[in-house]
Structure formats: C-alpha cells, structure tokens
Amino acid sequence: QRLHSSGTELIALRSAGFNNVDLAEAERLGITVGRVPAYSPHAVAEHAVALVLGLNRMTHRAYNRVREGNFSLDGLLGFDLYGKTVGVIGTGKIGLIFADIMHGFGCRVLA
C-alpha cells in the first residue's frame, strides 16, 4: 500500500522467485512485478569460487598493501585448497556446480 501511495508502478526483483512479494496485492494495486526468470547457475557458482579463492589468497589485503606501496608477502600466503573439505549447503543447480568445481580443485565435498 505504501509503495502504491508513493507512486511506485514497478517492483523489479533481482531474483528468480516471487516468494517475498504479495502478487495478488501488487496486481490489485496495479503494480507490475518483474524478476529474473533465468540466470546462469555456472556464473553464480564460478563467482562463489572466485570469492573463496580471493579470501584464501587474501587478495583484498594484497590490493590494499600495493596501493600503499607495500609489496611484502607477510601474512598473505593462504593455503592449498587441494585435500581440504568443503561443505555445501543447498544442492540445487548452483550448489551442485559449485561442488563440482571444488571437487576439481581436489577438495573433499560434503553436500
């Protein structure tokens, strides 16, 4: 109701599901609801792996150090993912692809 009274005509969701929007009420108020009907589960899983790698190798810290002119590697070494155990909560499309990629790194995957 508040959205409608403020002039909102469109709710654009950046998700595939509508579960957090009352569609019947939106329709009654004349508010269009849009979503992302399809996305690349590979892209999402690969992004999650990139985040894991960035955290493991402390890329964010290294970036900040270089900006300050500090090229020291102290405290930036991380560890090998090979042989580590990775837990995956949720084995939908994205979770299964993520698990497969981590398996390719030689990780033991619990899903």
N, C-alpha and C. Protein backbone atom coordinates (compact mmCIF):
# COMPACT_ATOMS: atom_id res chain seq x y z
N GLN A 1 0.83 -1.19 0.00
CA GLN A 1 0.00 0.00 0.00
C GLN A 1 0.88 1.26 0.00
N ARG A 2 1.94 1.24 0.85
CA ARG A 2 2.83 2.41 0.90
C ARG A 2 3.53 2.65 -0.42
N LEU A 3 3.94 1.57 -1.08
CA LEU A 3 4.60 1.72 -2.38
C LEU A 3 3.64 2.36 -3.39
N HIS A 4 2.42 1.87 -3.41
CA HIS A 4 1.42 2.39 -4.34
C HIS A 4 1.13 3.87 -4.07
N SER A 5 0.98 4.21 -2.80
CA SER A 5 0.66 5.61 -2.47
C SER A 5 1.82 6.56 -2.77
N SER A 6 3.04 6.02 -2.85
CA SER A 6 4.18 6.89 -3.18
C SER A 6 4.44 6.93 -4.69
N GLY A 7 3.58 6.25 -5.47
CA GLY A 7 3.69 6.33 -6.92
C GLY A 7 4.46 5.20 -7.58
N THR A 8 4.80 4.18 -6.83
CA THR A 8 5.54 3.05 -7.40
C THR A 8 4.67 2.30 -8.40
N GLU A 9 5.22 2.06 -9.58
CA GLU A 9 4.50 1.34 -10.63
C GLU A 9 5.14 0.00 -10.95
N LEU A 10 6.38 -0.19 -10.53
CA LEU A 10 7.12 -1.41 -10.87
C LEU A 10 7.99 -1.84 -9.71
N ILE A 11 7.94 -3.14 -9.40
CA ILE A 11 8.88 -3.74 -8.46
C ILE A 11 9.75 -4.68 -9.28
N ALA A 12 11.03 -4.40 -9.35
CA ALA A 12 11.96 -5.23 -10.12
C ALA A 12 12.81 -6.04 -9.14
N LEU A 13 12.62 -7.34 -9.16
CA LEU A 13 13.35 -8.23 -8.26
C LEU A 13 14.62 -8.72 -8.95
N ARG A 14 15.68 -8.86 -8.20
CA ARG A 14 16.91 -9.41 -8.77
C ARG A 14 17.05 -10.87 -8.35
N SER A 15 15.95 -11.57 -8.38
CA SER A 15 15.92 -12.98 -8.03
C SER A 15 14.96 -13.69 -8.97
N ALA A 16 15.01 -15.01 -8.95
CA ALA A 16 14.12 -15.79 -9.81
C ALA A 16 12.74 -15.96 -9.18
N GLY A 17 12.66 -15.93 -7.86
CA GLY A 17 11.40 -16.20 -7.19
C GLY A 17 10.64 -14.94 -6.80
N PHE A 18 9.34 -15.14 -6.58
CA PHE A 18 8.44 -14.06 -6.15
C PHE A 18 8.03 -14.22 -4.69
N ASN A 19 8.61 -15.16 -3.96
CA ASN A 19 8.10 -15.55 -2.65
C ASN A 19 8.06 -14.42 -1.62
N ASN A 20 8.74 -13.32 -1.85
CA ASN A 20 8.73 -12.22 -0.88
C ASN A 20 7.83 -11.06 -1.31
N VAL A 21 6.98 -11.28 -2.31
CA VAL A 21 6.07 -10.23 -2.79
C VAL A 21 4.65 -10.80 -2.83
N ASP A 22 3.71 -10.04 -2.33
CA ASP A 22 2.30 -10.43 -2.40
C ASP A 22 1.81 -10.07 -3.81
N LEU A 23 1.84 -11.05 -4.70
CA LEU A 23 1.50 -10.81 -6.11
C LEU A 23 0.05 -10.37 -6.29
N ALA A 24 -0.85 -10.96 -5.52
CA ALA A 24 -2.27 -10.60 -5.64
C ALA A 24 -2.47 -9.14 -5.26
N GLU A 25 -1.82 -8.70 -4.20
CA GLU A 25 -1.95 -7.31 -3.76
C GLU A 25 -1.30 -6.37 -4.76
N ALA A 26 -0.15 -6.75 -5.29
CA ALA A 26 0.52 -5.91 -6.30
C ALA A 26 -0.38 -5.75 -7.52
N GLU A 27 -0.99 -6.85 -7.96
CA GLU A 27 -1.89 -6.78 -9.12
C GLU A 27 -3.10 -5.89 -8.81
N ARG A 28 -3.66 -6.04 -7.63
CA ARG A 28 -4.81 -5.24 -7.23
C ARG A 28 -4.47 -3.74 -7.25
N LEU A 29 -3.24 -3.41 -6.88
CA LEU A 29 -2.81 -2.01 -6.84
C LEU A 29 -2.26 -1.52 -8.17
N GLY A 30 -2.20 -2.42 -9.16
CA GLY A 30 -1.69 -2.03 -10.47
C GLY A 30 -0.18 -1.89 -10.53
N ILE A 31 0.51 -2.58 -9.64
CA ILE A 31 1.97 -2.55 -9.62
C ILE A 31 2.49 -3.78 -10.36
N THR A 32 3.32 -3.55 -11.36
CA THR A 32 3.93 -4.64 -12.12
C THR A 32 5.11 -5.19 -11.33
N VAL A 33 5.23 -6.51 -11.30
CA VAL A 33 6.35 -7.15 -10.61
C VAL A 33 7.17 -7.91 -11.65
N GLY A 34 8.43 -7.57 -11.74
CA GLY A 34 9.33 -8.25 -12.68
C GLY A 34 10.41 -9.00 -11.92
N ARG A 35 10.97 -10.00 -12.55
CA ARG A 35 12.02 -10.81 -11.92
C ARG A 35 13.02 -11.25 -12.96
N VAL A 36 14.01 -11.97 -12.52
CA VAL A 36 15.00 -12.57 -13.42
C VAL A 36 14.54 -14.01 -13.65
N PRO A 37 13.90 -14.30 -14.77
CA PRO A 37 13.33 -15.63 -14.96
C PRO A 37 14.39 -16.72 -15.15
N ALA A 38 15.53 -16.34 -15.62
CA ALA A 38 16.60 -17.32 -15.83
C ALA A 38 17.93 -16.62 -15.61
N TYR A 39 18.87 -17.36 -15.13
CA TYR A 39 20.21 -16.83 -14.90
C TYR A 39 21.18 -17.97 -15.12
N SER A 40 22.42 -17.67 -15.13
CA SER A 40 23.43 -18.70 -15.35
C SER A 40 23.89 -19.26 -14.02
N PRO A 41 23.48 -20.47 -13.68
CA PRO A 41 23.97 -21.06 -12.43
C PRO A 41 25.48 -21.26 -12.46
N HIS A 42 26.04 -21.43 -13.66
CA HIS A 42 27.50 -21.57 -13.77
C HIS A 42 28.18 -20.27 -13.37
N ALA A 43 27.65 -19.15 -13.82
CA ALA A 43 28.25 -17.85 -13.48
C ALA A 43 28.20 -17.60 -11.98
N VAL A 44 27.09 -17.95 -11.35
CA VAL A 44 26.95 -17.74 -9.90
C VAL A 44 27.91 -18.64 -9.14
N ALA A 45 27.98 -19.92 -9.53
CA ALA A 45 28.90 -20.85 -8.86
C ALA A 45 30.35 -20.43 -9.06
N GLU A 46 30.69 -20.01 -10.27
CA GLU A 46 32.06 -19.56 -10.53
C GLU A 46 32.40 -18.32 -9.71
N HIS A 47 31.43 -17.43 -9.55
CA HIS A 47 31.66 -16.24 -8.74
C HIS A 47 31.90 -16.63 -7.28
N ALA A 48 31.14 -17.60 -6.78
CA ALA A 48 31.33 -18.08 -5.41
C ALA A 48 32.73 -18.67 -5.25
N VAL A 49 33.19 -19.42 -6.24
CA VAL A 49 34.55 -19.98 -6.19
C VAL A 49 35.58 -18.85 -6.21
N ALA A 50 35.35 -17.83 -7.02
CA ALA A 50 36.27 -16.70 -7.07
C ALA A 50 36.36 -16.01 -5.71
N LEU A 51 35.24 -15.90 -5.01
CA LEU A 51 35.25 -15.31 -3.68
C LEU A 51 36.04 -16.16 -2.70
N VAL A 52 35.88 -17.49 -2.79
CA VAL A 52 36.66 -18.40 -1.93
C VAL A 52 38.15 -18.21 -2.20
N LEU A 53 38.52 -18.18 -3.47
CA LEU A 53 39.94 -18.01 -3.82
C LEU A 53 40.47 -16.66 -3.35
N GLY A 54 39.68 -15.62 -3.51
CA GLY A 54 40.11 -14.30 -3.08
C GLY A 54 40.33 -14.23 -1.58
N LEU A 55 39.43 -14.85 -0.82
CA LEU A 55 39.60 -14.87 0.64
C LEU A 55 40.79 -15.72 1.04
N ASN A 56 40.94 -16.88 0.41
CA ASN A 56 42.03 -17.78 0.74
C ASN A 56 43.39 -17.14 0.48
N ARG A 57 43.52 -16.48 -0.64
CA ARG A 57 44.81 -15.86 -1.01
C ARG A 57 44.91 -14.41 -0.56
N MET A 58 43.89 -13.94 0.17
CA MET A 58 43.88 -12.60 0.76
C MET A 58 44.14 -11.50 -0.27
N THR A 59 43.49 -11.64 -1.40
CA THR A 59 43.67 -10.69 -2.50
C THR A 59 43.31 -9.27 -2.07
N HIS A 60 42.28 -9.12 -1.27
CA HIS A 60 41.86 -7.79 -0.82
C HIS A 60 42.95 -7.11 0.01
N ARG A 61 43.61 -7.87 0.87
CA ARG A 61 44.71 -7.29 1.67
C ARG A 61 45.89 -6.94 0.78
N ALA A 62 46.21 -7.83 -0.15
CA ALA A 62 47.34 -7.58 -1.06
C ALA A 62 47.08 -6.32 -1.88
N TYR A 63 45.86 -6.17 -2.37
CA TYR A 63 45.49 -4.99 -3.15
C TYR A 63 45.71 -3.71 -2.34
N ASN A 64 45.21 -3.73 -1.11
CA ASN A 64 45.36 -2.54 -0.25
C ASN A 64 46.82 -2.24 0.03
N ARG A 65 47.62 -3.26 0.25
CA ARG A 65 49.04 -3.05 0.52
C ARG A 65 49.74 -2.43 -0.69
N VAL A 66 49.47 -2.96 -1.86
CA VAL A 66 50.11 -2.45 -3.07
C VAL A 66 49.75 -0.98 -3.27
N ARG A 67 48.51 -0.62 -3.01
CA ARG A 67 48.11 0.79 -3.14
C ARG A 67 48.90 1.69 -2.20
N GLU A 68 49.33 1.11 -1.08
CA GLU A 68 50.14 1.87 -0.11
C GLU A 68 51.63 1.77 -0.41
N GLY A 69 52.00 1.05 -1.49
CA GLY A 69 53.40 0.88 -1.84
C GLY A 69 54.10 -0.22 -1.06
N ASN A 70 53.33 -1.06 -0.38
CA ASN A 70 53.89 -2.16 0.41
C ASN A 70 53.75 -3.45 -0.40
N PHE A 71 54.87 -4.02 -0.81
CA PHE A 71 54.85 -5.23 -1.63
C PHE A 71 55.24 -6.47 -0.84
N SER A 72 55.19 -6.39 0.46
CA SER A 72 55.53 -7.51 1.33
C SER A 72 54.48 -8.61 1.21
N LEU A 73 54.93 -9.86 1.28
CA LEU A 73 54.02 -11.01 1.23
C LEU A 73 53.66 -11.52 2.62
N ASP A 74 54.19 -10.88 3.67
CA ASP A 74 53.94 -11.33 5.04
C ASP A 74 52.44 -11.38 5.32
N GLY A 75 51.98 -12.55 5.77
CA GLY A 75 50.58 -12.72 6.13
C GLY A 75 49.63 -12.88 4.97
N LEU A 76 50.15 -13.08 3.77
CA LEU A 76 49.29 -13.18 2.58
C LEU A 76 49.32 -14.54 1.89
N LEU A 77 49.89 -15.55 2.51
CA LEU A 77 50.14 -16.78 1.78
C LEU A 77 48.96 -17.73 1.65
N GLY A 78 47.97 -17.70 2.49
CA GLY A 78 46.83 -18.59 2.33
C GLY A 78 47.23 -20.04 2.45
N PHE A 79 46.46 -20.92 1.80
CA PHE A 79 46.74 -22.36 1.87
C PHE A 79 46.22 -23.04 0.61
N ASP A 80 46.70 -24.26 0.37
CA ASP A 80 46.22 -25.05 -0.77
C ASP A 80 44.79 -25.53 -0.49
N LEU A 81 43.94 -25.44 -1.49
CA LEU A 81 42.60 -25.99 -1.36
C LEU A 81 42.60 -27.50 -1.53
N TYR A 82 43.59 -28.00 -2.26
CA TYR A 82 43.68 -29.44 -2.53
C TYR A 82 43.68 -30.22 -1.21
N GLY A 83 42.79 -31.18 -1.11
CA GLY A 83 42.72 -32.02 0.07
C GLY A 83 41.87 -31.46 1.20
N LYS A 84 41.41 -30.24 1.07
CA LYS A 84 40.57 -29.64 2.11
C LYS A 84 39.12 -30.12 1.94
N THR A 85 38.36 -30.03 3.02
CA THR A 85 36.95 -30.40 2.99
C THR A 85 36.10 -29.14 2.84
N VAL A 86 35.18 -29.17 1.89
CA VAL A 86 34.29 -28.05 1.61
C VAL A 86 32.86 -28.51 1.86
N GLY A 87 32.12 -27.75 2.64
CA GLY A 87 30.71 -28.05 2.88
C GLY A 87 29.83 -27.18 2.00
N VAL A 88 28.85 -27.78 1.36
CA VAL A 88 27.92 -27.05 0.50
C VAL A 88 26.52 -27.22 1.08
N ILE A 89 25.91 -26.10 1.45
CA ILE A 89 24.55 -26.13 1.97
C ILE A 89 23.62 -25.76 0.82
N GLY A 90 22.83 -26.71 0.39
CA GLY A 90 21.93 -26.49 -0.74
C GLY A 90 22.53 -27.08 -2.00
N THR A 91 21.86 -28.08 -2.53
CA THR A 91 22.38 -28.75 -3.73
C THR A 91 21.41 -28.59 -4.89
N GLY A 92 20.99 -27.35 -5.10
CA GLY A 92 20.25 -27.04 -6.32
C GLY A 92 21.26 -26.92 -7.45
N LYS A 93 20.87 -26.25 -8.51
CA LYS A 93 21.75 -26.12 -9.67
C LYS A 93 23.08 -25.48 -9.30
N ILE A 94 23.01 -24.37 -8.57
CA ILE A 94 24.23 -23.64 -8.22
C ILE A 94 25.10 -24.46 -7.28
N GLY A 95 24.49 -25.03 -6.25
CA GLY A 95 25.26 -25.82 -5.28
C GLY A 95 25.96 -27.00 -5.91
N LEU A 96 25.28 -27.69 -6.83
CA LEU A 96 25.91 -28.84 -7.49
C LEU A 96 27.08 -28.42 -8.37
N ILE A 97 26.92 -27.32 -9.08
CA ILE A 97 28.01 -26.83 -9.94
C ILE A 97 29.18 -26.38 -9.08
N PHE A 98 28.89 -25.66 -7.99
CA PHE A 98 29.95 -25.22 -7.07
C PHE A 98 30.70 -26.44 -6.53
N ALA A 99 29.95 -27.46 -6.10
CA ALA A 99 30.57 -28.68 -5.57
C ALA A 99 31.46 -29.33 -6.62
N ASP A 100 31.00 -29.37 -7.85
CA ASP A 100 31.78 -29.97 -8.94
C ASP A 100 33.08 -29.20 -9.17
N ILE A 101 33.00 -27.88 -9.15
CA ILE A 101 34.21 -27.06 -9.35
C ILE A 101 35.19 -27.30 -8.20
N MET A 102 34.67 -27.31 -6.97
CA MET A 102 35.56 -27.51 -5.82
C MET A 102 36.17 -28.91 -5.84
N HIS A 103 35.41 -29.88 -6.32
CA HIS A 103 35.96 -31.23 -6.49
C HIS A 103 37.11 -31.20 -7.48
N GLY A 104 36.98 -30.38 -8.51
CA GLY A 104 38.05 -30.22 -9.49
C GLY A 104 39.32 -29.62 -8.90
N PHE A 105 39.19 -28.89 -7.81
CA PHE A 105 40.35 -28.35 -7.10
C PHE A 105 40.97 -29.41 -6.19
N GLY A 106 40.35 -30.59 -6.15
CA GLY A 106 40.87 -31.65 -5.30
C GLY A 106 40.33 -31.62 -3.89
N CYS A 107 39.22 -30.93 -3.70
CA CYS A 107 38.61 -30.84 -2.38
C CYS A 107 37.68 -32.03 -2.13
N ARG A 108 37.56 -32.39 -0.87
CA ARG A 108 36.54 -33.34 -0.44
C ARG A 108 35.28 -32.51 -0.24
N VAL A 109 34.20 -32.88 -0.88
CA VAL A 109 32.98 -32.08 -0.84
C VAL A 109 31.91 -32.79 -0.03
N LEU A 110 31.38 -32.08 0.96
CA LEU A 110 30.23 -32.57 1.73
C LEU A 110 29.03 -31.75 1.31
N ALA A 111 28.02 -32.42 0.77
CA ALA A 111 26.84 -31.70 0.31
C ALA A 111 25.59 -32.46 0.68
